[in-house]
Amino acid sequence: MEEEMNLKDLFLLFWNKKLQMLIIIVLMAVAGFVYTTKFVTPTYTVSTSLILATSNNDSSSGEITTTDVTLISKLISTYSELAKSNKVVRQVISDLNLDMKEEELRNDIKVTQKQNTDMINISVTNEDPELAAKIANEVARVFSEQVEEYYKINNIHSVDEAEADTAVSNVNHKKDILMFTGVGVLLAFAYVFLANMLDTTVKSTEDIEKIFDVPVLVTIPLHNFKLDKKEGKNK
């Protein structure tokens, strides 16, 4: 019985604060909308795909051997670092006449290996999708030249060139608004619990018994004397 009363009290606690809770949730949802539409600068991510293969094969069958595959797999991690090296980054900035620092461009470049393949993706993120595509293709070109210069082999081939993508990569309006709304719900519940903890007013005889640990013997009901006078006059 006591548990049922506690659950009932808990329900009434939130029900009595429903308007304040709704205001908090709505304000947070509005804040999420304003944040995602006004304060987040949209960026675009494009990528170009390269495949690593052997240009010269000593095998009489002309097929790639297990040794070749092992070598390619080991080279992928090295190539990934080479694509973001100072020499490549500086050459790209110079070729495209970019107005940005080396570290800034390096942070915009991401090199990843496609799972279970001998392919790598060179992705570039920028506020201008057209510029991002140019940078990605230029990085791939300069990177291929550097590999040929260092390793004296030409085993990198372009699969897909980067193309401008109009889909924003760093903004998801629905997700941001839902996240802010979720935070609003948590804040609303926290507000109700905190307000209840700080509320020291006595609301019932049970509160008096809990505070003073003594039974309540007599209660005086509230009576509206003004209403009685009005009814008497009407009679």
Foldseek 3Di string as FASTA:
>chain_A
DVVVVVVVVVVVLCVVCVVVLVVLLVVLLVVLLCCQPPVDQFKFKWKWKKAFAFPDDPDPVPDQDPVRVVVLVVCLVVLQVLLLDPVLLVVLCVVVVDPDDSVVQSVQWGWDDDPPHSMIMIMGMDSFLQVRLSSNQSSVVSSQVVCCVPVVGRGMDTDGRIDRDPDTDPGDSVVSSVVSSVVSNVVSVVVSVVVVVPDPDDDDQVSVCVVVVDHDDDDDDDDDVVVVVVVVVVD
